Protein backbone atom coordinates (compact mmCIF):
# COMPACT_ATOMS: atom_id res chain seq x y z
CA MET A 1 -0.29 -0.56 0.00
CA ALA A 2 1.02 3.47 -1.05
CA TYR A 3 2.11 6.36 1.47
CA CYS A 4 1.31 8.74 0.28
CA SER A 5 -0.63 8.62 -3.39
CA LEU A 6 -0.82 12.47 -3.62
CA TYR A 7 2.13 11.67 -5.89
CA THR A 8 3.17 8.92 -7.87
CA LEU A 9 6.32 8.28 -8.70
CA ALA A 10 7.04 8.51 -11.81
CA GLY A 11 10.66 7.69 -12.85
CA ILE A 12 13.32 10.02 -13.62
CA SER A 13 15.97 9.40 -17.13
CA THR A 14 20.11 10.46 -17.82
CA ASP A 15 19.91 14.52 -18.80
CA CYS A 16 23.12 15.10 -21.08
CA ALA A 17 21.44 18.76 -21.93
CA PRO A 18 24.52 20.90 -20.24
CA ASN A 19 23.73 22.10 -16.67
CA ILE A 20 25.66 25.01 -15.27
CA GLY A 21 25.45 26.00 -11.51
CA GLY A 22 24.30 29.20 -9.88
CA ILE A 23 21.48 32.48 -11.12
CA LYS A 24 21.13 34.66 -13.36
CA LYS A 25 18.88 37.87 -11.77
CA ALA A 26 16.43 37.57 -9.10
CA TRP A 27 12.83 39.60 -9.48
CA ILE A 28 11.08 40.64 -6.39
CA ALA A 29 8.26 41.73 -5.38
CA ASN A 30 6.09 42.33 -2.37
CA TYR A 31 4.03 39.37 -0.52
CA ASP A 32 0.78 38.71 -1.63
CA ASP A 33 -1.76 36.23 -0.82
CA GLY A 34 -2.45 34.26 -4.13
CA ILE A 35 0.49 36.61 -5.79
CA PHE A 36 0.90 32.94 -8.41
CA THR A 37 -1.14 30.86 -9.49
CA ILE A 38 -0.39 27.27 -10.13
CA ASP A 39 -2.69 25.20 -12.45
CA ASP A 40 -2.90 21.65 -10.58
CA ASP A 41 -4.97 20.89 -13.93
CA PRO A 42 -2.97 20.27 -16.26
CA ALA A 43 -5.77 18.65 -18.58
CA SER A 44 -7.90 22.96 -18.52
CA THR A 45 -4.85 24.71 -19.64
CA GLY A 46 -2.06 22.23 -21.39
CA ALA A 47 -0.01 23.19 -18.92
CA THR A 48 2.13 20.65 -16.37
CA VAL A 49 1.56 19.81 -13.47
CA GLY A 50 2.83 21.92 -10.91
CA VAL A 51 3.65 25.34 -13.19
CA VAL A 52 3.12 28.55 -11.96
CA THR A 53 1.40 29.91 -15.57
CA ALA A 54 0.16 33.72 -13.97
CA LEU A 55 1.54 36.20 -11.66
CA LYS A 56 -1.25 38.06 -9.74
CA GLU A 57 -1.94 41.42 -11.80
CA GLY A 58 -1.45 44.63 -10.29
CA VAL A 59 1.87 43.07 -7.91
CA GLU A 60 5.48 44.96 -9.42
CA TRP A 61 8.63 43.45 -10.33
CA PHE A 62 12.05 44.60 -9.13
CA GLY A 63 14.42 42.97 -10.94
CA TYR A 64 17.79 42.49 -9.21
CA ASN A 65 21.34 41.41 -11.23
CA PHE A 66 24.11 40.77 -9.62
CA LYS A 67 27.72 39.17 -11.00
CA PRO A 68 27.67 35.67 -12.39
CA GLU A 69 28.51 32.84 -9.98
CA SER A 70 27.96 35.23 -7.36
CA SER A 71 24.67 33.78 -6.13
CA ASN A 72 22.79 30.68 -5.36
CA PHE A 73 20.16 28.91 -4.12
CA THR A 74 19.54 25.93 -2.21
CA SER A 75 16.57 23.79 -1.42
CA THR A 76 16.35 21.58 2.03
CA LEU A 77 13.38 18.95 2.30
CA ASN A 78 12.15 18.65 6.08
CA LYS A 79 11.04 16.84 8.21
CA THR A 80 8.64 17.05 10.84
CA ALA A 81 8.83 14.18 13.70
CA ASP A 82 4.74 13.57 13.30
CA GLY A 83 5.76 12.74 9.69
CA GLY A 84 5.34 16.14 7.47
CA ASN A 85 7.40 18.14 5.45
CA TYR A 86 8.39 20.76 4.24
CA VAL A 87 11.20 22.51 1.83
CA SER A 88 13.32 25.43 2.92
CA THR A 89 15.12 27.40 0.70
CA GLU A 90 18.05 30.15 1.24
CA ILE A 91 18.53 32.24 -1.41
CA VAL A 92 21.57 33.84 -1.16
CA LEU A 93 22.22 36.81 -3.70
CA ASN A 94 25.45 38.78 -3.48
CA PHE A 95 26.20 42.74 -4.89
CA ALA A 96 29.42 43.82 -5.83
CA ARG A 97 30.49 47.59 -4.16
CA MET A 98 28.93 48.59 -1.29
CA GLU A 99 26.91 52.06 -1.42
CA THR A 100 24.26 54.06 -0.51
CA ALA A 101 21.52 53.10 -3.05
CA LYS A 102 22.44 49.08 -1.90
CA ARG A 103 22.49 50.39 1.01
CA LEU A 104 18.82 51.57 1.22
CA GLU A 105 17.32 48.03 -1.22
CA MET A 106 19.49 46.45 1.41
CA ASN A 107 17.67 47.55 3.85
CA ALA A 108 14.18 46.84 2.39
CA LEU A 109 14.99 43.50 1.59
CA ALA A 110 16.12 42.78 5.17
CA LEU A 111 12.49 44.23 7.06
CA ASN A 112 9.56 43.63 4.12
CA GLU A 113 7.61 40.30 3.49
CA ILE A 114 8.70 39.21 -0.16
CA ALA A 115 8.17 37.20 -2.82
CA VAL A 116 11.24 35.79 -5.26
CA VAL A 117 11.20 34.58 -8.42
CA VAL A 118 14.73 33.29 -9.81
CA GLU A 119 16.58 32.93 -12.86
CA ASP A 120 18.79 29.70 -13.16
CA SER A 121 22.47 29.97 -15.28
CA ASN A 122 19.82 27.17 -16.66
CA SER A 123 17.38 29.29 -18.20
CA LYS A 124 15.09 28.20 -15.89
CA TYR A 125 12.39 30.50 -12.73
CA TRP A 126 11.41 28.73 -10.24
CA ALA A 127 8.65 30.63 -8.09
CA PHE A 128 9.76 31.19 -4.15
CA GLY A 129 6.50 32.38 -1.54
CA ILE A 130 4.40 30.55 -2.60
CA ASP A 131 2.50 29.03 1.39
CA ARG A 132 3.93 31.81 2.38
CA SER A 133 6.24 35.40 2.74
CA VAL A 134 9.94 35.38 1.86
CA ASN A 135 11.67 37.35 4.67
CA SER A 136 15.46 37.99 5.52
CA SER A 137 17.40 35.59 7.79
CA THR A 138 21.06 36.74 7.50
CA GLY A 139 23.13 39.67 6.10
CA SER A 140 26.48 40.95 5.74
CA ALA A 141 28.38 44.60 4.09
CA GLU A 142 32.02 43.26 3.67
CA SER A 143 34.64 45.50 3.08
CA GLY A 144 37.28 43.02 2.69
CA THR A 145 41.16 43.07 3.30
CA ALA A 146 43.28 42.83 -0.30
CA MET A 147 41.84 44.17 -3.60
CA GLY A 148 40.60 40.78 -4.17
CA ASP A 149 38.76 40.76 -1.83
CA ALA A 150 34.78 41.32 -2.33
CA ASN A 151 33.46 44.50 -1.15
CA ARG A 152 29.38 43.51 -1.49
CA TYR A 153 26.71 43.68 0.49
CA SER A 154 25.52 40.27 0.94
CA ILE A 155 21.55 39.19 1.83
CA THR A 156 20.15 35.72 2.18
CA LEU A 157 16.37 35.31 1.89
CA LEU A 158 14.44 32.32 3.46
CA ALA A 159 11.39 30.69 1.67
CA ASN A 160 9.39 28.06 3.26
CA ASP A 161 7.11 25.99 1.55
CA GLY A 162 4.77 22.80 1.48
CA HIS A 163 7.19 21.89 -1.86
CA PHE A 164 9.74 22.15 -3.70
CA ALA A 165 9.86 25.51 -5.99
CA PRO A 166 7.87 25.53 -8.97
CA GLU A 167 8.97 26.34 -12.65
CA LEU A 168 7.46 29.32 -14.34
CA SER A 169 5.28 28.30 -17.87
CA ALA A 170 6.27 30.91 -20.53
CA GLU A 171 3.40 32.19 -20.06
CA ALA A 172 4.34 33.64 -16.48
CA ILE A 173 8.08 34.41 -17.40
CA ALA A 174 6.73 36.48 -20.69
CA GLN A 175 4.06 38.03 -17.62
CA LEU A 176 7.41 38.52 -15.41
CA THR A 177 9.65 40.30 -17.40
CA ALA A 178 6.94 42.14 -19.93
């Protein structure tokens, strides 16, 4: 007997496509309930189950750019004592060169409840803040010591959702980047 019939095994084949680590860009908005629409009935739209098909109308998304190979996210499955589970994701964003405009933005990211979309280096878009808002967990400002050291702001955003992050559909990506 299956423990949980909500999801069924289907297998994963070997993938020969190029695979690059890191993230290219992040988009961040103030959190709002229902900010992401996830289609769980592919027969209705032809979408893949569990994909973000739309973003809430009227929400303003702000782009965050950073140097290549400087930022990442890590999602960790957490099992609870009573058999439940959730996924914690740490999104680490590093912004080169400390300056006033970036300092003010770090303060805003540290204090607001937000939703995040990340484009990874494989050009896949991932949504965070599905079940609840994303919040900052740590941050730093670093001057560096030597000429080759980083002079930057760094912030870690923490998302706690019921599942691993869903991918955005082509329609949702077009809505985000319009």
